Amino acid sequence: MPPLGEQVRAAQAAGADLVELRVDRIGDVAGVEALLKGPRLLPLILTVRSGEEGGGRKEEGPLFSRDEAERVALIERLGLLRPGYIDVEYATWQRSANVRQKIERVCETGESRAAEAGGSTAASAARRAKNLLILSHHDFSGTPDDLDSLFDRLSQTSAEVIKAVFTARDATDACRVLAQLRRRGGARKLIALAMGEAGLPTRILARKCGAYLTFATLRSGDESAPGQPTIPELRDLYRWERIGPDTRVYGVVGWPVSHSLGPQIHNAALAAADSDGVYVRLPVCPGYADFAAFMDCVTQEAALDIVGLSVTLPHKEHALCWLDQRGHHVSPSARRCGAVNTLTRRRDGSWMGENTDAGGALAALQAAWRGGEIPWRDLEVAILGAGGVARAVATALREQDCEVTIYNRTAERAETLARELRCAWKPWEERDQYTARILINCTALGLWPAVDETPLPAEALRPETLVFDTIYRPARTRLLRAAQERGCQVVSGSEMFIRQAAAQFESWQGKAAPIAVMRQACFLNEFVT
């Protein structure tokens, strides 16, 4: 690990405005002292976190879990070396008057300002040299239902900055935290974040919602809390400096969404169009009730400006159900497909559901077909899967008069979809006996990170088959690699992904999508994990 001074300079060069010194994780107290006594670089936040609120190194466990007096004494000693910020847990602050007295020796608070008001010039100079106090609360168990009471208690303290950090179960928790920040950020210097993958939107949208600051890590793997982005990701991918109160928010809703390249291609498109928007991942737990709770929260919290959503597995059919139940709008194409992959918020606050998968799939197939226009009528197509993507693709093909056969691991779903579309279905166990000219995988088998999975054994593939995998990450799935080895023509899901994303962009922005920019972003990032 590079010396602390080098790390601080590297953070400054990367674009950081402040650096937090997590002394409990660094462990090298002497090195911290030397840094504090040395030349001034960036403003510093000094943190010696308690064990009960996540302090200590991952590999060694919490420090100071038994000797609280030693920890407070270290905060006091280090705090005298250089004025900056000191982060102290709200629980520690509340524990005793003696602890508060020790912290106030090195921190400026509302009480200390009041006591020193009207004092001598020397006293005022001494006060200005003190650290600014951050009082923080960390919840590693979840995000409580009653956020108002906690924020009310924190707001009544005399700290310069108050900070509340939770653990997000899914994106609904993240939106609830952001809504608190949006409502309260103007009255106090406030930091409100959620940890974990689902909490990432709170870090990206902190600037929009009025947060005092957000946290990012210099390098991936060095996170001081789960879910932190790197500084380059925050600045380059999400265009942190461009985010403001009026920035519109777009995102991808699914479970999981960590594999999605939506942020890469949509943020590149927004930048190319000079649009004041940002696109984020929004993981929502897989049940319909979870999806409905998320959409209800987003709809109610209009100030978050979430105005466009890509919907992926397993929520495409949930989206259609939610739109119908809440009296919103569904396009004819989405109605025919029985699935929604695009949600657009209208000016009156209502939502429109569309499906761009169907058109994207047909366009990808046509682009790859050798010999001009595809002879759709009576063309035999085998589809693996019966979920939202399969439904959209199969509907589009049936509208072109193709002969479609559905194979699915759950026979009842295959039979139901086949009956609705008036096509054939066969048991999953018979998929290796297909006779179709085109084979399309619409399952998640082979999706990153489970890249060794495949929906069909290699020996079942025939050279005359065109094999289309709707998975786009990785671009060359195990199925496509096997198909190429067997002499098959192949179509990557990347082309379908780009085309359906371009249609989403046009629905949200009302202008042509910069498809070349989107394709380049997809190509550059398709192997990034």
Protein backbone atom coordinates (compact mmCIF):
# COMPACT_ATOMS: atom_id res chain seq x y z
CA MET A 1 0.00 0.00 0.00
CA PRO A 2 1.46 3.43 -0.93
CA PRO A 3 2.24 5.90 1.88
CA LEU A 4 -0.71 7.95 3.11
CA GLY A 5 0.62 11.17 1.60
CA GLU A 6 0.84 9.56 -1.84
CA GLN A 7 -2.70 8.23 -1.52
CA VAL A 8 -4.04 11.67 -0.59
CA ARG A 9 -2.23 13.26 -3.54
CA ALA A 10 -3.58 10.55 -5.86
CA ALA A 11 -7.12 11.21 -4.61
CA GLN A 12 -6.64 14.93 -5.21
CA ALA A 13 -5.37 14.28 -8.73
CA ALA A 14 -8.40 12.05 -9.39
CA GLY A 15 -10.75 14.89 -8.42
CA ALA A 16 -11.51 14.43 -4.72
CA ASP A 17 -12.35 17.55 -2.69
CA LEU A 18 -11.88 15.94 0.73
CA VAL A 19 -10.22 12.77 1.97
CA GLU A 20 -11.46 10.66 4.86
CA LEU A 21 -8.76 9.09 7.04
CA ARG A 22 -10.29 5.91 8.43
CA VAL A 23 -7.73 5.49 11.20
CA ASP A 24 -9.43 2.32 12.46
CA ARG A 25 -8.87 0.70 9.05
CA ILE A 26 -5.45 2.23 8.34
CA GLY A 27 -4.07 0.96 11.64
CA ASP A 28 -0.86 2.99 11.22
CA VAL A 29 -1.46 5.69 13.83
CA ALA A 30 2.11 6.98 13.52
CA GLY A 31 1.65 7.39 9.78
CA VAL A 32 -1.59 9.30 10.35
CA GLU A 33 0.16 11.60 12.84
CA ALA A 34 2.98 12.27 10.37
CA LEU A 35 0.46 13.13 7.65
CA LEU A 36 -1.44 15.51 9.95
CA LYS A 37 1.78 17.25 10.96
CA GLY A 38 3.08 17.47 7.39
CA PRO A 39 2.30 19.83 4.50
CA ARG A 40 -1.37 20.58 4.01
CA LEU A 41 -2.95 18.83 1.05
CA LEU A 42 -6.72 18.35 0.84
CA PRO A 43 -9.11 18.98 3.75
CA LEU A 44 -9.32 15.81 5.83
CA ILE A 45 -12.08 13.97 7.67
CA LEU A 46 -10.63 12.15 10.68
CA THR A 47 -12.56 9.00 11.60
CA VAL A 48 -11.78 6.40 14.23
CA ARG A 49 -14.90 4.28 13.86
CA SER A 50 -16.28 2.21 16.73
CA GLY A 51 -16.49 -1.55 16.35
CA GLU A 52 -20.27 -1.54 16.77
CA GLU A 53 -20.63 0.74 13.74
CA GLY A 54 -18.26 -1.07 11.40
CA GLY A 55 -14.82 0.08 12.55
CA GLY A 56 -11.65 -1.88 11.86
CA ARG A 57 -10.07 -3.72 8.97
CA LYS A 58 -12.02 -6.38 7.14
CA GLU A 59 -9.36 -9.01 7.75
CA GLU A 60 -8.69 -8.15 11.39
CA GLY A 61 -12.10 -7.19 12.75
CA PRO A 62 -13.07 -4.09 14.74
CA LEU A 63 -10.56 -2.08 16.74
CA PHE A 64 -11.40 -0.47 20.08
CA SER A 65 -14.35 -2.80 20.62
CA ARG A 66 -13.39 -3.16 24.30
CA ASP A 67 -11.54 0.04 25.16
CA GLU A 68 -13.77 2.96 24.26
CA ALA A 69 -11.76 5.35 26.40
CA GLU A 70 -8.65 4.61 24.34
CA ARG A 71 -10.52 5.31 21.11
CA VAL A 72 -11.91 8.65 22.33
CA ALA A 73 -8.48 9.63 23.61
CA LEU A 74 -6.99 8.90 20.18
CA ILE A 75 -9.64 11.06 18.48
CA GLU A 76 -8.83 13.86 20.90
CA ARG A 77 -5.07 13.53 20.38
CA LEU A 78 -5.23 13.39 16.58
CA GLY A 79 -7.80 16.16 16.47
CA LEU A 80 -5.35 18.59 18.04
CA LEU A 81 -2.83 18.17 15.20
CA ARG A 82 -4.69 19.87 12.35
CA PRO A 83 -8.17 21.42 12.00
CA GLY A 84 -10.47 19.70 9.55
CA TYR A 85 -13.47 17.46 10.15
CA ILE A 86 -13.94 14.79 12.81
CA ASP A 87 -16.60 12.10 12.36
CA VAL A 88 -18.01 10.77 15.64
CA GLU A 89 -20.88 8.34 16.04
CA TYR A 90 -24.15 9.82 17.32
CA ALA A 91 -24.36 6.91 19.79
CA THR A 92 -20.91 7.77 21.14
CA TRP A 93 -21.84 11.44 21.43
CA GLN A 94 -24.99 10.59 23.38
CA ARG A 95 -23.27 8.11 25.67
CA SER A 96 -21.91 10.53 28.27
CA ALA A 97 -21.24 14.18 29.04
CA ASN A 98 -17.59 13.28 29.61
CA VAL A 99 -17.22 12.01 26.01
CA ARG A 100 -18.91 15.12 24.65
CA GLN A 101 -16.55 17.31 26.67
CA LYS A 102 -13.50 15.55 25.25
CA ILE A 103 -14.80 15.82 21.68
CA GLU A 104 -15.66 19.49 22.17
CA ARG A 105 -12.05 20.18 23.11
CA VAL A 106 -11.13 19.63 19.49
CA CYS A 107 -14.43 20.24 17.67
CA GLU A 108 -16.51 23.32 17.06
CA THR A 109 -20.20 22.84 17.89
CA GLY A 110 -23.24 25.03 18.23
CA GLU A 111 -22.72 25.14 21.99
CA SER A 112 -19.06 26.11 21.71
CA ARG A 113 -19.88 28.88 19.22
CA ALA A 114 -22.54 30.26 21.54
CA ALA A 115 -20.21 30.10 24.54
CA GLU A 116 -17.42 31.88 22.73
CA ALA A 117 -19.58 34.51 21.01
CA GLY A 118 -18.55 37.96 22.15
CA GLY A 119 -15.26 36.69 23.54
CA SER A 120 -11.78 38.05 22.87
CA THR A 121 -10.11 38.09 19.47
CA ALA A 122 -7.70 35.41 20.67
CA ALA A 123 -10.62 33.21 21.74
CA SER A 124 -12.28 33.67 18.34
CA ALA A 125 -9.05 32.69 16.56
CA ALA A 126 -8.77 29.59 18.75
CA ARG A 127 -12.35 28.67 17.94
CA ARG A 128 -11.79 28.99 14.21
CA ALA A 129 -8.85 26.59 14.44
CA LYS A 130 -11.03 23.79 15.78
CA ASN A 131 -12.34 20.85 13.77
CA LEU A 132 -15.87 20.77 12.42
CA LEU A 133 -17.95 17.95 13.91
CA ILE A 134 -19.77 15.33 11.85
CA LEU A 135 -22.21 13.26 13.93
CA SER A 136 -23.01 9.99 12.19
CA HIS A 137 -25.35 7.03 12.50
CA HIS A 138 -24.77 3.70 10.75
CA ASP A 139 -27.33 0.91 10.41
CA PHE A 140 -25.90 -2.34 9.05
CA SER A 141 -29.17 -4.25 9.52
CA GLY A 142 -31.31 -2.38 7.00
CA THR A 143 -33.26 0.81 6.44
CA PRO A 144 -35.92 1.38 9.12
CA ASP A 145 -39.49 2.17 8.18
CA ASP A 146 -39.48 5.30 10.33
CA LEU A 147 -36.70 7.47 8.95
CA ASP A 148 -38.33 10.71 10.05
CA SER A 149 -37.75 10.20 13.78
CA LEU A 150 -34.05 9.37 13.32
CA PHE A 151 -33.41 12.40 11.12
CA ASP A 152 -35.35 14.55 13.56
CA ARG A 153 -33.10 13.44 16.43
CA LEU A 154 -29.92 14.00 14.42
CA SER A 155 -31.14 17.44 13.31
CA GLN A 156 -31.51 18.54 16.93
CA THR A 157 -27.79 18.11 17.60
CA SER A 158 -25.23 20.90 17.46
CA ALA A 159 -22.97 19.20 14.90
CA GLU A 160 -21.80 21.10 11.83
CA VAL A 161 -22.77 18.13 9.65
CA ILE A 162 -25.13 15.23 10.36
CA LYS A 163 -24.72 11.90 8.60
CA ALA A 164 -27.05 8.90 8.39
CA VAL A 165 -26.03 5.70 6.62
CA PHE A 166 -28.25 2.66 6.16
CA THR A 167 -28.16 -0.70 4.40
CA ALA A 168 -30.44 -0.88 1.37
CA ARG A 169 -32.38 -4.07 0.75
CA ASP A 170 -33.19 -2.84 -2.74
CA ALA A 171 -33.69 0.37 -4.68
CA THR A 172 -36.88 1.24 -2.78
CA ASP A 173 -34.78 1.82 0.35
CA ALA A 174 -32.37 3.94 -1.68
CA CYS A 175 -35.21 6.12 -2.95
CA ARG A 176 -36.59 6.54 0.57
CA VAL A 177 -33.19 7.76 1.78
CA LEU A 178 -32.87 10.12 -1.20
CA ALA A 179 -36.34 11.49 -0.52
CA GLN A 180 -35.32 12.35 3.06
CA LEU A 181 -32.21 14.05 1.74
CA ARG A 182 -34.19 16.00 -0.84
CA ARG A 183 -36.61 17.28 1.80
CA ARG A 184 -34.06 18.10 4.51
CA GLY A 185 -30.81 18.94 2.71
CA GLY A 186 -31.46 22.65 2.53
CA ALA A 187 -31.99 23.13 6.26
CA ARG A 188 -28.84 21.37 7.52
CA LYS A 189 -25.51 20.18 6.17
CA LEU A 190 -26.61 16.59 5.67
CA ILE A 191 -25.09 13.35 4.39
CA ALA A 192 -27.58 10.54 3.78
CA LEU A 193 -26.45 7.34 2.08
CA ALA A 194 -27.32 3.68 1.76
CA MET A 195 -24.71 0.93 1.65
CA GLY A 196 -24.55 -2.06 -0.67
CA GLU A 197 -25.15 -2.44 -4.39
CA ALA A 198 -28.74 -1.22 -3.99
CA GLY A 199 -27.49 1.90 -2.23
CA LEU A 200 -25.30 3.09 -5.12
CA PRO A 201 -27.96 5.53 -6.43
CA THR A 202 -27.78 7.42 -3.12
CA ARG A 203 -24.08 8.07 -3.71
CA ILE A 204 -24.54 9.11 -7.36
CA LEU A 205 -27.60 11.29 -6.75
CA ALA A 206 -26.35 12.86 -3.51
CA ARG A 207 -25.46 16.06 -5.35
CA LYS A 208 -28.90 16.31 -6.96
CA CYS A 209 -30.68 15.88 -3.64
CA GLY A 210 -28.64 18.45 -1.70
CA ALA A 211 -26.14 16.30 0.20
CA TYR A 212 -23.14 17.97 1.77
CA LEU A 213 -20.87 15.36 0.17
CA THR A 214 -20.70 11.81 -1.09
CA PHE A 215 -18.05 9.10 -0.70
CA ALA A 216 -16.04 7.34 -3.40
CA THR A 217 -12.95 5.16 -3.30
CA LEU A 218 -9.67 5.75 -5.10
CA ARG A 219 -9.43 2.15 -6.29
CA SER A 220 -11.88 -0.73 -6.58
CA GLY A 221 -11.33 -3.09 -3.65
CA ASP A 222 -10.36 -0.34 -1.21
CA GLU A 223 -13.92 0.63 -0.26
CA SER A 224 -14.45 1.76 3.33
CA ALA A 225 -18.13 0.78 3.03
CA PRO A 226 -19.94 -1.58 0.64
CA GLY A 227 -21.26 -0.02 -2.55
CA GLN A 228 -18.83 2.86 -2.95
CA PRO A 229 -18.02 3.73 -6.57
CA THR A 230 -14.52 4.71 -7.60
CA ILE A 231 -13.75 8.39 -8.17
CA PRO A 232 -13.31 7.83 -11.95
CA GLU A 233 -16.68 6.03 -12.13
CA LEU A 234 -18.41 8.85 -10.29
CA ARG A 235 -16.82 11.58 -12.41
CA ASP A 236 -16.57 9.95 -15.83
CA LEU A 237 -19.39 7.41 -16.03
CA TYR A 238 -22.00 9.32 -14.04
CA ARG A 239 -20.75 12.87 -14.85
CA TRP A 240 -20.78 13.96 -11.20
CA GLU A 241 -19.89 17.58 -11.96
CA ARG A 242 -22.92 17.91 -14.26
CA ILE A 243 -25.46 16.62 -11.73
CA GLY A 244 -27.64 19.31 -10.17
CA PRO A 245 -31.07 19.83 -8.60
CA ASP A 246 -32.84 19.70 -11.98
CA THR A 247 -31.03 16.63 -13.35
CA ARG A 248 -33.49 14.03 -14.60
CA VAL A 249 -32.94 10.44 -13.50
CA TYR A 250 -33.17 7.28 -15.59
CA GLY A 251 -32.29 3.74 -14.63
CA VAL A 252 -32.52 0.01 -15.14
CA VAL A 253 -34.85 -1.95 -12.85
CA GLY A 254 -34.27 -5.68 -12.39
CA TRP A 255 -32.82 -8.42 -10.18
CA PRO A 256 -29.93 -8.66 -10.63
CA VAL A 257 -28.71 -5.57 -12.52
CA SER A 258 -25.00 -5.61 -11.69
CA HIS A 259 -24.29 -7.02 -15.17
CA SER A 260 -26.19 -4.27 -16.98
CA LEU A 261 -24.32 -2.03 -19.39
CA GLY A 262 -27.25 0.38 -19.33
CA PRO A 263 -25.29 3.04 -17.39
CA GLN A 264 -22.42 2.87 -19.88
CA ILE A 265 -24.47 3.26 -23.05
CA HIS A 266 -27.23 5.54 -21.77
CA ASN A 267 -24.89 7.93 -19.95
CA ALA A 268 -22.73 8.08 -23.09
CA ALA A 269 -25.86 8.90 -25.10
CA LEU A 270 -26.98 11.55 -22.60
CA ALA A 271 -23.54 13.15 -22.76
CA ALA A 272 -23.52 13.12 -26.57
CA ALA A 273 -26.95 14.76 -26.60
CA ASP A 274 -25.87 17.30 -23.95
CA SER A 275 -28.88 16.26 -21.89
CA ASP A 276 -29.11 17.05 -18.16
CA GLY A 277 -29.71 13.46 -17.09
CA VAL A 278 -28.04 10.51 -15.40
CA TYR A 279 -28.74 6.77 -15.67
CA VAL A 280 -28.23 4.41 -12.71
CA ARG A 281 -28.74 0.78 -11.74
CA LEU A 282 -31.82 0.16 -9.58
CA PRO A 283 -31.91 -3.40 -8.22
CA VAL A 284 -35.44 -4.31 -7.10
CA CYS A 285 -36.17 -7.64 -5.36
CA PRO A 286 -37.79 -10.20 -7.65
CA GLY A 287 -41.41 -10.36 -6.42
CA TYR A 288 -44.32 -8.38 -7.83
CA ALA A 289 -44.96 -6.78 -4.43
CA ASP A 290 -41.36 -5.53 -4.40
CA PHE A 291 -41.70 -4.03 -7.87
CA ALA A 292 -45.02 -2.40 -6.99
CA ALA A 293 -43.53 -0.92 -3.80
CA PHE A 294 -40.66 0.56 -5.80
CA MET A 295 -42.87 2.07 -8.48
CA ASP A 296 -45.30 3.46 -5.90
CA CYS A 297 -42.38 5.08 -4.06
CA VAL A 298 -40.91 6.56 -7.25
CA THR A 299 -44.31 7.88 -8.29
CA GLN A 300 -45.01 9.43 -4.91
CA GLU A 301 -41.55 11.03 -4.62
CA ALA A 302 -41.87 13.13 -7.77
CA ALA A 303 -39.07 15.46 -6.60
CA LEU A 304 -36.54 12.70 -7.30
CA ASP A 305 -37.23 13.30 -11.03
CA ILE A 306 -37.10 9.61 -11.96
CA VAL A 307 -38.65 9.90 -15.40
CA GLY A 308 -37.46 6.93 -17.47
CA LEU A 309 -36.85 3.27 -16.59
CA SER A 310 -35.52 0.28 -18.47
CA VAL A 311 -37.17 -2.87 -17.11
CA THR A 312 -35.34 -6.19 -17.22
CA LEU A 313 -35.71 -9.66 -15.69
CA PRO A 314 -37.81 -10.55 -13.77
CA HIS A 315 -40.01 -7.45 -13.83
CA LYS A 316 -41.20 -7.06 -17.44
CA GLU A 317 -44.53 -8.76 -16.80
CA HIS A 318 -44.72 -7.14 -13.34
CA ALA A 319 -44.48 -3.73 -15.02
CA LEU A 320 -47.47 -4.46 -17.24
CA CYS A 321 -49.49 -5.67 -14.25
CA TRP A 322 -48.57 -2.58 -12.20
CA LEU A 323 -49.52 -0.20 -15.01
CA ASP A 324 -52.90 -1.86 -15.37
CA GLN A 325 -53.57 -1.95 -11.63
CA ARG A 326 -52.67 1.73 -11.16
CA GLY A 327 -54.54 2.94 -14.23
CA HIS A 328 -51.52 4.03 -16.27
CA HIS A 329 -50.94 3.63 -20.01
CA VAL A 330 -49.69 0.66 -22.04
CA SER A 331 -48.70 0.87 -25.71
CA PRO A 332 -50.37 -1.52 -28.16
CA SER A 333 -47.05 -3.27 -28.87
CA ALA A 334 -46.40 -3.87 -25.17
CA ARG A 335 -49.96 -5.11 -24.76
CA ARG A 336 -49.47 -7.59 -27.58
CA CYS A 337 -46.15 -8.73 -26.12
CA GLY A 338 -47.60 -9.06 -22.64
CA ALA A 339 -44.47 -7.43 -21.23
CA VAL A 340 -43.06 -3.94 -20.66
CA ASN A 341 -39.36 -3.11 -20.86
CA THR A 342 -39.63 0.70 -21.03
CA LEU A 343 -41.39 3.07 -18.63
CA THR A 344 -41.70 6.78 -19.39
CA ARG A 345 -43.15 9.34 -17.00
CA ARG A 346 -45.40 11.85 -18.70
CA ARG A 347 -45.76 15.52 -17.88
CA ASP A 348 -48.98 14.87 -15.93
CA GLY A 349 -47.17 12.36 -13.68
CA SER A 350 -48.67 9.25 -15.29
CA TRP A 351 -46.57 6.44 -16.76
CA MET A 352 -46.46 4.93 -20.24
CA GLY A 353 -45.29 1.35 -20.70
CA GLU A 354 -43.74 0.23 -23.98
CA ASN A 355 -41.81 -2.74 -25.34
CA THR A 356 -38.70 -2.12 -27.44
CA ASP A 357 -37.39 -5.69 -27.17
CA ALA A 358 -39.54 -6.96 -30.04
CA GLY A 359 -38.35 -4.42 -32.59
CA GLY A 360 -34.77 -4.74 -31.37
CA ALA A 361 -34.81 -8.52 -31.84
CA LEU A 362 -36.23 -8.37 -35.37
CA ALA A 363 -33.75 -5.68 -36.37
CA ALA A 364 -30.83 -7.70 -34.98
CA LEU A 365 -31.93 -10.81 -36.87
CA GLN A 366 -32.43 -8.91 -40.12
CA ALA A 367 -29.00 -7.26 -39.85
CA ALA A 368 -27.35 -10.67 -39.48
CA TRP A 369 -29.32 -12.54 -42.17
CA ARG A 370 -27.36 -13.52 -45.23
CA GLY A 371 -29.13 -12.90 -48.49
CA GLY A 372 -31.37 -9.86 -48.23
CA GLU A 373 -34.76 -9.78 -46.52
CA ILE A 374 -35.61 -12.61 -44.15
CA PRO A 375 -38.39 -14.83 -45.56
CA TRP A 376 -40.43 -14.56 -42.37
CA ARG A 377 -43.56 -16.39 -43.45
CA ASP A 378 -43.53 -20.03 -42.26
CA LEU A 379 -39.91 -19.68 -41.07
CA GLU A 380 -39.35 -22.18 -38.25
CA VAL A 381 -38.00 -20.63 -35.04
CA ALA A 382 -37.26 -22.37 -31.73
CA ILE A 383 -37.37 -20.17 -28.63
CA LEU A 384 -35.79 -21.24 -25.34
CA GLY A 385 -37.61 -19.61 -22.43
CA ALA A 386 -41.08 -18.24 -21.71
CA GLY A 387 -40.40 -15.06 -19.72
CA GLY A 388 -40.72 -11.43 -20.68
CA VAL A 389 -38.03 -11.43 -23.40
CA ALA A 390 -39.31 -14.70 -24.88
CA ARG A 391 -42.85 -13.36 -24.92
CA ALA A 392 -41.81 -10.16 -26.75
CA VAL A 393 -39.63 -11.98 -29.30
CA ALA A 394 -42.18 -14.72 -29.93
CA THR A 395 -44.99 -12.17 -30.36
CA ALA A 396 -42.95 -10.21 -32.92
CA LEU A 397 -42.13 -13.39 -34.84
CA ARG A 398 -45.73 -14.59 -34.84
CA GLU A 399 -46.78 -11.21 -36.23
CA GLN A 400 -44.38 -11.97 -39.10
CA ASP A 401 -46.17 -15.34 -39.60
CA CYS A 402 -43.20 -17.40 -38.38
CA GLU A 403 -43.75 -20.95 -37.11
CA VAL A 404 -42.62 -20.69 -33.48
CA THR A 405 -42.01 -23.47 -30.95
CA ILE A 406 -41.52 -22.65 -27.27
CA TYR A 407 -39.27 -24.70 -24.96
CA ASN A 408 -39.23 -23.83 -21.25
CA ARG A 409 -38.08 -25.46 -18.03
CA THR A 410 -41.55 -24.95 -16.55
CA ALA A 411 -43.90 -26.71 -18.93
CA GLU A 412 -46.99 -24.84 -17.72
CA ARG A 413 -45.48 -21.47 -18.71
CA ALA A 414 -44.49 -22.78 -22.13
CA GLU A 415 -47.97 -24.17 -22.71
CA THR A 416 -49.65 -20.95 -21.56
CA LEU A 417 -47.52 -18.75 -23.81
CA ALA A 418 -47.98 -21.07 -26.78
CA ARG A 419 -51.73 -21.05 -26.31
CA GLU A 420 -51.81 -17.23 -26.18
CA LEU A 421 -49.71 -16.89 -29.33
CA ARG A 422 -51.28 -19.85 -31.14
CA CYS A 423 -47.96 -21.56 -31.66
CA ALA A 424 -46.37 -24.85 -30.64
CA TRP A 425 -44.56 -25.81 -27.45
CA LYS A 426 -42.50 -28.81 -26.45
CA PRO A 427 -40.96 -30.06 -23.18
CA TRP A 428 -37.62 -28.58 -22.20
CA GLU A 429 -36.07 -32.03 -22.32
CA GLU A 430 -36.70 -32.17 -26.08
CA ARG A 431 -34.92 -28.89 -26.91
CA ASP A 432 -31.87 -30.74 -28.27
CA GLN A 433 -34.15 -32.26 -30.93
CA TYR A 434 -35.19 -28.93 -32.46
CA THR A 435 -35.59 -28.70 -36.24
CA ALA A 436 -35.92 -24.92 -36.61
CA ARG A 437 -33.86 -22.70 -38.94
CA ILE A 438 -33.40 -20.11 -36.17
CA LEU A 439 -32.73 -20.87 -32.50
CA ILE A 440 -33.14 -18.06 -29.98
CA ASN A 441 -32.08 -18.22 -26.33
CA CYS A 442 -34.31 -16.02 -24.18
CA THR A 443 -33.32 -17.58 -20.84
CA ALA A 444 -30.73 -16.19 -18.43
CA LEU A 445 -28.52 -19.27 -18.79
CA GLY A 446 -25.02 -17.97 -19.58
CA LEU A 447 -25.60 -14.46 -18.22
CA TRP A 448 -22.65 -12.89 -16.39
CA PRO A 449 -21.38 -13.92 -13.89
CA ALA A 450 -22.59 -17.52 -14.54
CA VAL A 451 -20.81 -17.54 -17.91
CA ASP A 452 -20.17 -21.30 -17.91
CA GLU A 453 -23.88 -22.11 -18.15
CA THR A 454 -25.59 -22.85 -21.46
CA PRO A 455 -29.19 -23.71 -22.35
CA LEU A 456 -28.22 -26.30 -24.96
CA PRO A 457 -25.38 -28.82 -25.29
CA ALA A 458 -22.94 -28.11 -28.12
CA GLU A 459 -23.57 -31.44 -29.84
CA ALA A 460 -27.23 -30.48 -30.38
CA LEU A 461 -26.33 -27.52 -32.62
CA ARG A 462 -26.45 -27.98 -36.40
CA PRO A 463 -24.39 -25.94 -38.90
CA GLU A 464 -27.43 -24.73 -40.84
CA THR A 465 -28.94 -23.07 -37.73
CA LEU A 466 -28.76 -19.33 -37.07
CA VAL A 467 -28.22 -19.09 -33.29
CA PHE A 468 -29.29 -15.89 -31.56
CA ASP A 469 -28.57 -15.37 -27.85
CA THR A 470 -30.46 -12.42 -26.37
CA ILE A 471 -27.90 -12.24 -23.53
CA TYR A 472 -25.47 -9.40 -24.25
CA ARG A 473 -23.09 -9.82 -21.35
CA PRO A 474 -20.87 -11.49 -22.18
CA ALA A 475 -21.19 -10.67 -25.87
CA ARG A 476 -19.96 -14.16 -26.77
CA THR A 477 -21.77 -16.55 -24.48
CA ARG A 478 -20.86 -20.18 -24.13
CA LEU A 479 -23.80 -21.00 -26.41
CA LEU A 480 -22.53 -18.67 -29.15
CA ARG A 481 -18.96 -19.95 -28.86
CA ALA A 482 -20.17 -23.52 -29.25
CA ALA A 483 -22.39 -22.51 -32.18
CA GLN A 484 -19.47 -20.89 -34.00
CA GLU A 485 -17.34 -23.99 -33.46
CA ARG A 486 -20.16 -26.07 -34.99
CA GLY A 487 -20.27 -23.78 -38.05
CA CYS A 488 -23.48 -21.93 -37.18
CA GLN A 489 -24.15 -18.31 -37.99
CA VAL A 490 -24.53 -16.43 -34.72
CA VAL A 491 -26.20 -13.21 -33.51
CA SER A 492 -25.04 -11.60 -30.27
CA GLY A 493 -27.49 -10.04 -27.87
CA SER A 494 -25.41 -6.86 -28.02
CA GLU A 495 -27.08 -5.75 -31.25
CA MET A 496 -30.57 -6.30 -29.84
CA PHE A 497 -29.54 -4.53 -26.64
CA ILE A 498 -28.24 -1.47 -28.52
CA ARG A 499 -31.28 -1.21 -30.76
CA GLN A 500 -33.83 -1.55 -27.96
CA ALA A 501 -31.86 0.95 -25.83
CA ALA A 502 -31.83 3.44 -28.70
CA ALA A 503 -35.63 3.18 -28.90
CA GLN A 504 -35.83 3.82 -25.14
CA PHE A 505 -33.64 6.91 -25.48
CA GLU A 506 -35.92 8.26 -28.20
CA SER A 507 -39.01 7.70 -26.03
CA TRP A 508 -37.43 9.58 -23.13
CA GLN A 509 -35.70 12.38 -25.02
CA GLY A 510 -37.96 12.92 -28.02
CA LYS A 511 -34.99 12.94 -30.39
CA ALA A 512 -32.94 10.49 -32.43
CA ALA A 513 -30.55 8.37 -30.41
CA PRO A 514 -26.79 8.70 -31.02
CA ILE A 515 -26.65 5.01 -31.88
CA ALA A 516 -22.99 5.06 -32.98
CA VAL A 517 -22.01 6.44 -29.57
CA MET A 518 -24.11 3.79 -27.84
CA ARG A 519 -22.61 1.01 -29.92
CA GLN A 520 -19.08 2.21 -29.17
CA ALA A 521 -19.83 2.38 -25.42
CA CYS A 522 -21.22 -1.15 -25.51
CA PHE A 523 -18.20 -2.46 -27.40
CA LEU A 524 -15.74 -0.79 -25.03
CA ASN A 525 -17.47 -2.09 -21.91
CA GLU A 526 -18.95 -5.46 -22.79
CA PHE A 527 -16.18 -7.36 -20.99
CA VAL A 528 -15.97 -5.02 -17.98
CA THR A 529 -17.18 -6.62 -14.75
